[in-house]
Structure formats: C-alpha cells, structure tokens
PDB file of N, CA and C in Angstrom:
ATOM      1  N   MET A   1      52.869 131.368  66.193  1.00  0.00           N
ATOM      2  CA  MET A   1      53.361 130.274  66.987  1.00  0.00           C
ATOM      3  C   MET A   1      54.882 130.291  67.056  1.00  0.00           C
ATOM      4  N   LYS A   2      55.537 130.584  65.912  1.00  0.00           N
ATOM      5  CA  LYS A   2      56.991 130.641  65.906  1.00  0.00           C
ATOM      6  C   LYS A   2      57.502 131.781  66.777  1.00  0.00           C
ATOM      7  N   VAL A   3      56.757 132.885  66.827  1.00  0.00           N
ATOM      8  CA  VAL A   3      57.158 134.027  67.646  1.00  0.00           C
ATOM      9  C   VAL A   3      57.111 133.649  69.118  1.00  0.00           C
ATOM     10  N   VAL A   4      56.047 132.964  69.538  1.00  0.00           N
ATOM     11  CA  VAL A   4      55.922 132.535  70.926  1.00  0.00           C
ATOM     12  C   VAL A   4      57.035 131.565  71.282  1.00  0.00           C
ATOM     13  N   PHE A   5      57.294 130.599  70.405  1.00  0.00           N
ATOM     14  CA  PHE A   5      58.357 129.635  70.674  1.00  0.00           C
ATOM     15  C   PHE A   5      59.699 130.343  70.800  1.00  0.00           C
ATOM     16  N   GLY A   6      59.954 131.303  69.913  1.00  0.00           N
ATOM     17  CA  GLY A   6      61.212 132.055  69.963  1.00  0.00           C
ATOM     18  C   GLY A   6      61.343 132.835  71.258  1.00  0.00           C
ATOM     19  N   ALA A   7      60.251 133.434  71.712  1.00  0.00           N
ATOM     20  CA  ALA A   7      60.279 134.188  72.967  1.00  0.00           C
ATOM     21  C   ALA A   7      60.527 133.259  74.147  1.00  0.00           C
ATOM     22  N   VAL A   8      59.874 132.096  74.149  1.00  0.00           N
ATOM     23  CA  VAL A   8      60.064 131.120  75.220  1.00  0.00           C
ATOM     24  C   VAL A   8      61.502 130.608  75.214  1.00  0.00           C
ATOM     25  N   LEU A   9      62.019 130.328  74.045  1.00  0.00           N
ATOM     26  CA  LEU A   9      63.392 129.847  73.934  1.00  0.00           C
ATOM     27  C   LEU A   9      64.384 130.889  74.427  1.00  0.00           C
ATOM     28  N   ALA A  10      64.202 132.129  74.026  1.00  0.00           N
ATOM     29  CA  ALA A  10      65.099 133.204  74.465  1.00  0.00           C
ATOM     30  C   ALA A  10      65.024 133.394  75.973  1.00  0.00           C
ATOM     31  N   ALA A  11      63.827 133.347  76.516  1.00  0.00           N
ATOM     32  CA  ALA A  11      63.671 133.498  77.963  1.00  0.00           C
ATOM     33  C   ALA A  11      64.317 132.332  78.703  1.00  0.00           C
ATOM     34  N   GLY A  12      64.142 131.138  78.179  1.00  0.00           N
ATOM     35  CA  GLY A  12      64.757 129.966  78.807  1.00  0.00           C
ATOM     36  C   GLY A  12      66.263 130.031  78.788  1.00  0.00           C
ATOM     37  N   MET A  13      66.806 130.547  77.712  1.00  0.00           N
ATOM     38  CA  MET A  13      68.255 130.688  77.629  1.00  0.00           C
ATOM     39  C   MET A  13      68.736 131.725  78.632  1.00  0.00           C
ATOM     40  N   ALA A  14      67.970 132.769  78.830  1.00  0.00           N
ATOM     41  CA  ALA A  14      68.347 133.791  79.812  1.00  0.00           C
ATOM     42  C   ALA A  14      68.334 133.213  81.217  1.00  0.00           C
ATOM     43  N   ILE A  15      67.349 132.344  81.498  1.00  0.00           N
ATOM     44  CA  ILE A  15      67.304 131.692  82.805  1.00  0.00           C
ATOM     45  C   ILE A  15      68.535 130.819  82.987  1.00  0.00           C
ATOM     46  N   GLY A  16      68.956 130.163  81.924  1.00  0.00           N
ATOM     47  CA  GLY A  16      70.073 129.229  81.995  1.00  0.00           C
ATOM     48  C   GLY A  16      71.401 129.871  82.323  1.00  0.00           C
ATOM     49  N   VAL A  17      71.542 131.169  82.139  1.00  0.00           N
ATOM     50  CA  VAL A  17      72.813 131.802  82.421  1.00  0.00           C
ATOM     51  C   VAL A  17      72.900 132.344  83.838  1.00  0.00           C
ATOM     52  N   ALA A  18      71.840 132.212  84.611  1.00  0.00           N
ATOM     53  CA  ALA A  18      71.876 132.677  85.996  1.00  0.00           C
ATOM     54  C   ALA A  18      72.833 131.805  86.801  1.00  0.00           C
ATOM     55  N   ALA A  19      73.604 132.443  87.656  1.00  0.00           N
ATOM     56  CA  ALA A  19      74.560 131.713  88.483  1.00  0.00           C
ATOM     57  C   ALA A  19      73.828 130.981  89.603  1.00  0.00           C
ATOM     58  N   PRO A  20      74.076 129.689  89.789  1.00  0.00           N
ATOM     59  CA  PRO A  20      73.411 128.960  90.856  1.00  0.00           C
ATOM     60  C   PRO A  20      73.937 129.379  92.223  1.00  0.00           C
ATOM     61  N   ALA A  21      73.081 129.292  93.226  1.00  0.00           N
ATOM     62  CA  ALA A  21      73.440 129.645  94.588  1.00  0.00           C
ATOM     63  C   ALA A  21      73.231 128.420  95.478  1.00  0.00           C
ATOM     64  N   ALA A  22      73.523 128.578  96.750  1.00  0.00           N
ATOM     65  CA  ALA A  22      73.323 127.496  97.695  1.00  0.00           C
ATOM     66  C   ALA A  22      71.829 127.172  97.801  1.00  0.00           C
ATOM     67  N   ALA A  23      71.518 125.911  98.074  1.00  0.00           N
ATOM     68  CA  ALA A  23      70.130 125.483  98.174  1.00  0.00           C
ATOM     69  C   ALA A  23      69.431 126.169  99.339  1.00  0.00           C
ATOM     70  N   ASP A  24      68.268 126.746  99.063  1.00  0.00           N
ATOM     71  CA  ASP A  24      67.492 127.434 100.081  1.00  0.00           C
ATOM     72  C   ASP A  24      66.013 127.240  99.789  1.00  0.00           C
ATOM     73  N   GLU A  25      65.465 126.157 100.286  1.00  0.00           N
ATOM     74  CA  GLU A  25      64.068 125.835 100.013  1.00  0.00           C
ATOM     75  C   GLU A  25      63.126 126.888 100.574  1.00  0.00           C
ATOM     76  N   SER A  26      63.439 127.413 101.721  1.00  0.00           N
ATOM     77  CA  SER A  26      62.595 128.450 102.323  1.00  0.00           C
ATOM     78  C   SER A  26      62.540 129.694 101.437  1.00  0.00           C
ATOM     79  N   GLY A  27      63.688 130.126 100.955  1.00  0.00           N
ATOM     80  CA  GLY A  27      63.742 131.285 100.071  1.00  0.00           C
ATOM     81  C   GLY A  27      63.000 131.024  98.770  1.00  0.00           C
ATOM     82  N   TYR A  28      63.121 129.814  98.267  1.00  0.00           N
ATOM     83  CA  TYR A  28      62.431 129.411  97.040  1.00  0.00           C
ATOM     84  C   TYR A  28      60.919 129.531  97.219  1.00  0.00           C
ATOM     85  N   LEU A  29      60.416 128.949  98.299  1.00  0.00           N
ATOM     86  CA  LEU A  29      58.971 128.983  98.537  1.00  0.00           C
ATOM     87  C   LEU A  29      58.482 130.392  98.852  1.00  0.00           C
ATOM     88  N   THR A  30      59.270 131.157  99.576  1.00  0.00           N
ATOM     89  CA  THR A  30      58.896 132.537  99.898  1.00  0.00           C
ATOM     90  C   THR A  30      58.797 133.376  98.630  1.00  0.00           C
ATOM     91  N   GLU A  31      59.673 133.133  97.699  1.00  0.00           N
ATOM     92  CA  GLU A  31      59.665 133.874  96.431  1.00  0.00           C
ATOM     93  C   GLU A  31      58.457 133.517  95.566  1.00  0.00           C
ATOM     94  N   LEU A  32      58.101 132.230  95.523  1.00  0.00           N
ATOM     95  CA  LEU A  32      57.052 131.782  94.607  1.00  0.00           C
ATOM     96  C   LEU A  32      55.639 131.841  95.171  1.00  0.00           C
ATOM     97  N   ALA A  33      55.479 131.638  96.469  1.00  0.00           N
ATOM     98  CA  ALA A  33      54.142 131.536  97.058  1.00  0.00           C
ATOM     99  C   ALA A  33      53.225 132.720  96.735  1.00  0.00           C
ATOM    100  N   PRO A  34      53.703 133.966  96.807  1.00  0.00           N
ATOM    101  CA  PRO A  34      52.796 135.082  96.490  1.00  0.00           C
ATOM    102  C   PRO A  34      52.381 135.138  95.016  1.00  0.00           C
ATOM    103  N   ARG A  35      53.188 134.608  94.137  1.00  0.00           N
ATOM    104  CA  ARG A  35      52.903 134.667  92.694  1.00  0.00           C
ATOM    105  C   ARG A  35      52.065 133.493  92.212  1.00  0.00           C
ATOM    106  N   LEU A  36      52.235 132.356  92.832  1.00  0.00           N
ATOM    107  CA  LEU A  36      51.585 131.127  92.358  1.00  0.00           C
ATOM    108  C   LEU A  36      50.691 130.558  93.465  1.00  0.00           C
ATOM    109  N   THR A  37      49.679 131.317  93.823  1.00  0.00           N
ATOM    110  CA  THR A  37      48.835 130.984  94.968  1.00  0.00           C
ATOM    111  C   THR A  37      48.003 129.716  94.774  1.00  0.00           C
ATOM    112  N   SER A  38      47.809 129.279  93.543  1.00  0.00           N
ATOM    113  CA  SER A  38      47.003 128.080  93.304  1.00  0.00           C
ATOM    114  C   SER A  38      47.791 126.791  93.525  1.00  0.00           C
ATOM    115  N   LEU A  39      49.099 126.905  93.753  1.00  0.00           N
ATOM    116  CA  LEU A  39      49.943 125.726  93.944  1.00  0.00           C
ATOM    117  C   LEU A  39      50.384 125.629  95.401  1.00  0.00           C
ATOM    118  N   SER A  40      50.398 124.423  95.916  1.00  0.00           N
ATOM    119  CA  SER A  40      50.802 124.202  97.308  1.00  0.00           C
ATOM    120  C   SER A  40      52.329 124.253  97.434  1.00  0.00           C
ATOM    121  N   PRO A  41      52.816 124.497  98.642  1.00  0.00           N
ATOM    122  CA  PRO A  41      54.271 124.448  98.853  1.00  0.00           C
ATOM    123  C   PRO A  41      54.861 123.094  98.455  1.00  0.00           C
ATOM    124  N   GLN A  42      54.112 122.025  98.669  1.00  0.00           N
ATOM    125  CA  GLN A  42      54.593 120.692  98.303  1.00  0.00           C
ATOM    126  C   GLN A  42      54.735 120.559  96.783  1.00  0.00           C
ATOM    127  N   GLN A  43      53.757 121.075  96.049  1.00  0.00           N
ATOM    128  CA  GLN A  43      53.838 121.030  94.586  1.00  0.00           C
ATOM    129  C   GLN A  43      55.020 121.849  94.084  1.00  0.00           C
ATOM    130  N   LEU A  44      55.178 123.046  94.630  1.00  0.00           N
ATOM    131  CA  LEU A  44      56.278 123.918  94.205  1.00  0.00           C
ATOM    132  C   LEU A  44      57.630 123.296  94.525  1.00  0.00           C
ATOM    133  N   SER A  45      57.745 122.739  95.719  1.00  0.00           N
ATOM    134  CA  SER A  45      59.006 122.119  96.129  1.00  0.00           C
ATOM    135  C   SER A  45      59.351 120.927  95.244  1.00  0.00           C
ATOM    136  N   ALA A  46      58.381 120.055  95.032  1.00  0.00           N
ATOM    137  CA  ALA A  46      58.628 118.872  94.210  1.00  0.00           C
ATOM    138  C   ALA A  46      59.028 119.270  92.793  1.00  0.00           C
ATOM    139  N   GLU A  47      58.342 120.253  92.231  1.00  0.00           N
ATOM    140  CA  GLU A  47      58.656 120.661  90.857  1.00  0.00           C
ATOM    141  C   GLU A  47      60.016 121.346  90.789  1.00  0.00           C
ATOM    142  N   GLY A  48      60.339 122.142  91.799  1.00  0.00           N
ATOM    143  CA  GLY A  48      61.645 122.796  91.823  1.00  0.00           C
ATOM    144  C   GLY A  48      62.782 121.796  91.840  1.00  0.00           C
ATOM    145  N   HIS A  49      62.644 120.759  92.642  1.00  0.00           N
ATOM    146  CA  HIS A  49      63.680 119.725  92.692  1.00  0.00           C
ATOM    147  C   HIS A  49      63.722 118.920  91.389  1.00  0.00           C
ATOM    148  N   LYS A  50      62.563 118.743  90.780  1.00  0.00           N
ATOM    149  CA  LYS A  50      62.520 118.054  89.486  1.00  0.00           C
ATOM    150  C   LYS A  50      63.259 118.875  88.434  1.00  0.00           C
ATOM    151  N   VAL A  51      63.072 120.182  88.459  1.00  0.00           N
ATOM    152  CA  VAL A  51      63.785 121.066  87.528  1.00  0.00           C
ATOM    153  C   VAL A  51      65.290 120.922  87.738  1.00  0.00           C
ATOM    154  N   CYS A  52      65.729 120.902  88.987  1.00  0.00           N
ATOM    155  CA  CYS A  52      67.162 120.761  89.272  1.00  0.00           C
ATOM    156  C   CYS A  52      67.716 119.452  88.715  1.00  0.00           C
ATOM    157  N   ARG A  53      66.971 118.370  88.896  1.00  0.00           N
ATOM    158  CA  ARG A  53      67.425 117.076  88.353  1.00  0.00           C
ATOM    159  C   ARG A  53      67.457 117.115  86.828  1.00  0.00           C
ATOM    160  N   TYR A  54      66.452 117.721  86.236  1.00  0.00           N
ATOM    161  CA  TYR A  54      66.336 117.808  84.784  1.00  0.00           C
ATOM    162  C   TYR A  54      67.515 118.580  84.194  1.00  0.00           C
ATOM    163  N   VAL A  55      67.772 119.753  84.740  1.00  0.00           N
ATOM    164  CA  VAL A  55      68.866 120.596  84.244  1.00  0.00           C
ATOM    165  C   VAL A  55      70.218 119.980  84.629  1.00  0.00           C
ATOM    166  N   GLY A  56      70.276 119.375  85.803  1.00  0.00           N
ATOM    167  CA  GLY A  56      71.504 118.729  86.247  1.00  0.00           C
ATOM    168  C   GLY A  56      71.921 117.569  85.363  1.00  0.00           C
ATOM    169  N   ALA A  57      70.968 116.999  84.647  1.00  0.00           N
ATOM    170  CA  ALA A  57      71.256 115.898  83.723  1.00  0.00           C
ATOM    171  C   ALA A  57      71.763 116.414  82.384  1.00  0.00           C
ATOM    172  N   GLY A  58      71.920 117.731  82.272  1.00  0.00           N
ATOM    173  CA  GLY A  58      72.489 118.299  81.059  1.00  0.00           C
ATOM    174  C   GLY A  58      71.480 118.859  80.075  1.00  0.00           C
ATOM    175  N   ARG A  59      70.235 118.901  80.459  1.00  0.00           N
ATOM    176  CA  ARG A  59      69.215 119.440  79.555  1.00  0.00           C
ATOM    177  C   ARG A  59      69.135 120.957  79.712  1.00  0.00           C
ATOM    178  N   PRO A  60      68.803 121.673  78.650  1.00  0.00           N
ATOM    179  CA  PRO A  60      68.687 123.132  78.738  1.00  0.00           C
ATOM    180  C   PRO A  60      67.460 123.557  79.536  1.00  0.00           C
ATOM    181  N   THR A  61      67.585 124.671  80.235  1.00  0.00           N
ATOM    182  CA  THR A  61      66.461 125.170  81.024  1.00  0.00           C
ATOM    183  C   THR A  61      65.243 125.461  80.153  1.00  0.00           C
ATOM    184  N   ALA A  62      65.462 125.888  78.915  1.00  0.00           N
ATOM    185  CA  ALA A  62      64.328 126.171  78.022  1.00  0.00           C
ATOM    186  C   ALA A  62      63.482 124.928  77.802  1.00  0.00           C
ATOM    187  N   ASP A  63      64.092 123.762  77.813  1.00  0.00           N
ATOM    188  CA  ASP A  63      63.346 122.516  77.621  1.00  0.00           C
ATOM    189  C   ASP A  63      62.508 122.158  78.846  1.00  0.00           C
ATOM    190  N   ALA A  64      62.807 122.757  79.983  1.00  0.00           N
ATOM    191  CA  ALA A  64      62.039 122.486  81.200  1.00  0.00           C
ATOM    192  C   ALA A  64      60.721 123.253  81.226  1.00  0.00           C
ATOM    193  N   ILE A  65      60.582 124.286  80.406  1.00  0.00           N
ATOM    194  CA  ILE A  65      59.369 125.102  80.425  1.00  0.00           C
ATOM    195  C   ILE A  65      58.125 124.260  80.130  1.00  0.00           C
ATOM    196  N   PRO A  66      58.085 123.506  79.034  1.00  0.00           N
ATOM    197  CA  PRO A  66      56.879 122.701  78.792  1.00  0.00           C
ATOM    198  C   PRO A  66      56.661 121.627  79.856  1.00  0.00           C
ATOM    199  N   MET A  67      57.728 121.092  80.420  1.00  0.00           N
ATOM    200  CA  MET A  67      57.600 120.086  81.469  1.00  0.00           C
ATOM    201  C   MET A  67      56.858 120.676  82.664  1.00  0.00           C
ATOM    202  N   VAL A  68      57.292 121.847  83.114  1.00  0.00           N
ATOM    203  CA  VAL A  68      56.662 122.492  84.272  1.00  0.00           C
ATOM    204  C   VAL A  68      55.224 122.877  83.937  1.00  0.00           C
ATOM    205  N   MET A  69      55.004 123.415  82.742  1.00  0.00           N
ATOM    206  CA  MET A  69      53.645 123.785  82.337  1.00  0.00           C
ATOM    207  C   MET A  69      52.713 122.575  82.376  1.00  0.00           C
ATOM    208  N   ASN A  70      53.167 121.444  81.874  1.00  0.00           N
ATOM    209  CA  ASN A  70      52.344 120.229  81.865  1.00  0.00           C
ATOM    210  C   ASN A  70      52.151 119.662  83.260  1.00  0.00           C
ATOM    211  N   ASP A  71      53.217 119.632  84.043  1.00  0.00           N
ATOM    212  CA  ASP A  71      53.139 119.058  85.395  1.00  0.00           C
ATOM    213  C   ASP A  71      52.171 119.832  86.285  1.00  0.00           C
ATOM    214  N   LEU A  72      52.257 121.157  86.236  1.00  0.00           N
ATOM    215  CA  LEU A  72      51.493 121.991  87.174  1.00  0.00           C
ATOM    216  C   LEU A  72      50.332 122.736  86.544  1.00  0.00           C
ATOM    217  N   LYS A  73      50.120 122.523  85.244  1.00  0.00           N
ATOM    218  CA  LYS A  73      49.038 123.222  84.529  1.00  0.00           C
ATOM    219  C   LYS A  73      49.149 124.734  84.747  1.00  0.00           C
ATOM    220  N   THR A  74      50.335 125.254  84.527  1.00  0.00           N
ATOM    221  CA  THR A  74      50.609 126.676  84.713  1.00  0.00           C
ATOM    222  C   THR A  74      50.910 127.335  83.375  1.00  0.00           C
ATOM    223  N   THR A  75      51.004 128.637  83.402  1.00  0.00           N
ATOM    224  CA  THR A  75      51.317 129.415  82.208  1.00  0.00           C
ATOM    225  C   THR A  75      52.816 129.387  81.935  1.00  0.00           C
ATOM    226  N   VAL A  76      53.202 129.935  80.795  1.00  0.00           N
ATOM    227  CA  VAL A  76      54.625 130.082  80.487  1.00  0.00           C
ATOM    228  C   VAL A  76      55.285 130.926  81.563  1.00  0.00           C
ATOM    229  N   ALA A  77      54.648 132.026  81.935  1.00  0.00           N
ATOM    230  CA  ALA A  77      55.223 132.905  82.960  1.00  0.00           C
ATOM    231  C   ALA A  77      55.387 132.165  84.283  1.00  0.00           C
ATOM    232  N   GLY A  78      54.382 131.388  84.678  1.00  0.00           N
ATOM    233  CA  GLY A  78      54.482 130.621  85.922  1.00  0.00           C
ATOM    234  C   GLY A  78      55.608 129.610  85.871  1.00  0.00           C
ATOM    235  N   ALA A  79      55.733 128.923  84.743  1.00  0.00           N
ATOM    236  CA  ALA A  79      56.813 127.947  84.584  1.00  0.00           C
ATOM    237  C   ALA A  79      58.173 128.633  84.668  1.00  0.00           C
ATOM    238  N   MET A  80      58.276 129.803  84.060  1.00  0.00           N
ATOM    239  CA  MET A  80      59.552 130.518  84.086  1.00  0.00           C
ATOM    240  C   MET A  80      59.894 130.998  85.490  1.00  0.00           C
ATOM    241  N   TYR A  81      58.896 131.432  86.254  1.00  0.00           N
ATOM    242  CA  TYR A  81      59.142 131.806  87.653  1.00  0.00           C
ATOM    243  C   TYR A  81      59.709 130.611  88.419  1.00  0.00           C
ATOM    244  N   ILE A  82      59.079 129.454  88.245  1.00  0.00           N
ATOM    245  CA  ILE A  82      59.500 128.252  88.962  1.00  0.00           C
ATOM    246  C   ILE A  82      60.901 127.837  88.563  1.00  0.00           C
ATOM    247  N   ILE A  83      61.186 127.832  87.276  1.00  0.00           N
ATOM    248  CA  ILE A  83      62.516 127.429  86.800  1.00  0.00           C
ATOM    249  C   ILE A  83      63.576 128.393  87.277  1.00  0.00           C
ATOM    250  N   SER A  84      63.301 129.670  87.153  1.00  0.00           N
ATOM    251  CA  SER A  84      64.270 130.676  87.565  1.00  0.00           C
ATOM    252  C   SER A  84      64.554 130.592  89.064  1.00  0.00           C
ATOM    253  N   ALA A  85      63.508 130.492  89.866  1.00  0.00           N
ATOM    254  CA  ALA A  85      63.692 130.375  91.318  1.00  0.00           C
ATOM    255  C   ALA A  85      64.408 129.088  91.681  1.00  0.00           C
ATOM    256  N   SER A  86      64.092 128.018  90.978  1.00  0.00           N
ATOM    257  CA  SER A  86      64.766 126.733  91.232  1.00  0.00           C
ATOM    258  C   SER A  86      66.255 126.851  90.990  1.00  0.00           C
ATOM    259  N   MET A  87      66.612 127.479  89.877  1.00  0.00           N
ATOM    260  CA  MET A  87      68.035 127.617  89.532  1.00  0.00           C
ATOM    261  C   MET A  87      68.767 128.485  90.547  1.00  0.00           C
ATOM    262  N   ARG A  88      68.097 129.499  91.056  1.00  0.00           N
ATOM    263  CA  ARG A  88      68.730 130.401  92.044  1.00  0.00           C
ATOM    264  C   ARG A  88      68.787 129.808  93.436  1.00  0.00           C
ATOM    265  N   GLU A  89      67.706 129.168  93.845  1.00  0.00           N
ATOM    266  CA  GLU A  89      67.563 128.786  95.247  1.00  0.00           C
ATOM    267  C   GLU A  89      67.787 127.309  95.558  1.00  0.00           C
ATOM    268  N   LEU A  90      67.555 126.431  94.602  1.00  0.00           N
ATOM    269  CA  LEU A  90      67.601 124.992  94.901  1.00  0.00           C
ATOM    270  C   LEU A  90      68.762 124.234  94.262  1.00  0.00           C
ATOM    271  N   CYS A  91      69.135 124.599  93.078  1.00  0.00           N
ATOM    272  CA  CYS A  91      70.121 123.812  92.335  1.00  0.00           C
ATOM    273  C   CYS A  91      71.555 124.179  92.728  1.00  0.00           C
TER     274      CYS A  91
END
C-alpha cells in the first residue's frame, strides 16, 4: 500500500510541474475521449474545470487524484490522464 501511495504521489508531483497553457476545451476533450470512453464529454469537462479550481486554490495536484477517482469512479491512471490534460489544456 505504501508503494502504491508513493508512486501516486510521485506521479502527482510530476503532473504539478507541467507548465500551464491557454485554455482549450476542445483539445482537452480530444485528448481524453479516446482513452476514457466510458465518460461523457460533459463529465470530463466538469471534472477538468473542478481540477483547475482545486489546484488553483493552492492544493497539490497529487491531492486531486483521489478526488477524480471518487468523482468519476476511474482508475489512478484515468485520474492522472484527466489531471494532466486539465493542467495543460484548461487551467
């Protein structure tokens, strides 16, 4: 369990160092739709904006992983895709 937590924490920290870009919802959805086919564009969009608000409030991206997993019932990998794309395309 500690190994998994450490891996998730390290991955979240790596996501946190990505440079933010201009908001591009279309690019965000285009990037995620092929990987997360069980989620609607509305779900992905809402969660992406929630991630931006969460991180924008000063919280670490690693802390957003369980939030996304719980909200969308997705895997760690799915949550990381969403967080990473959100940071690049929406925030």
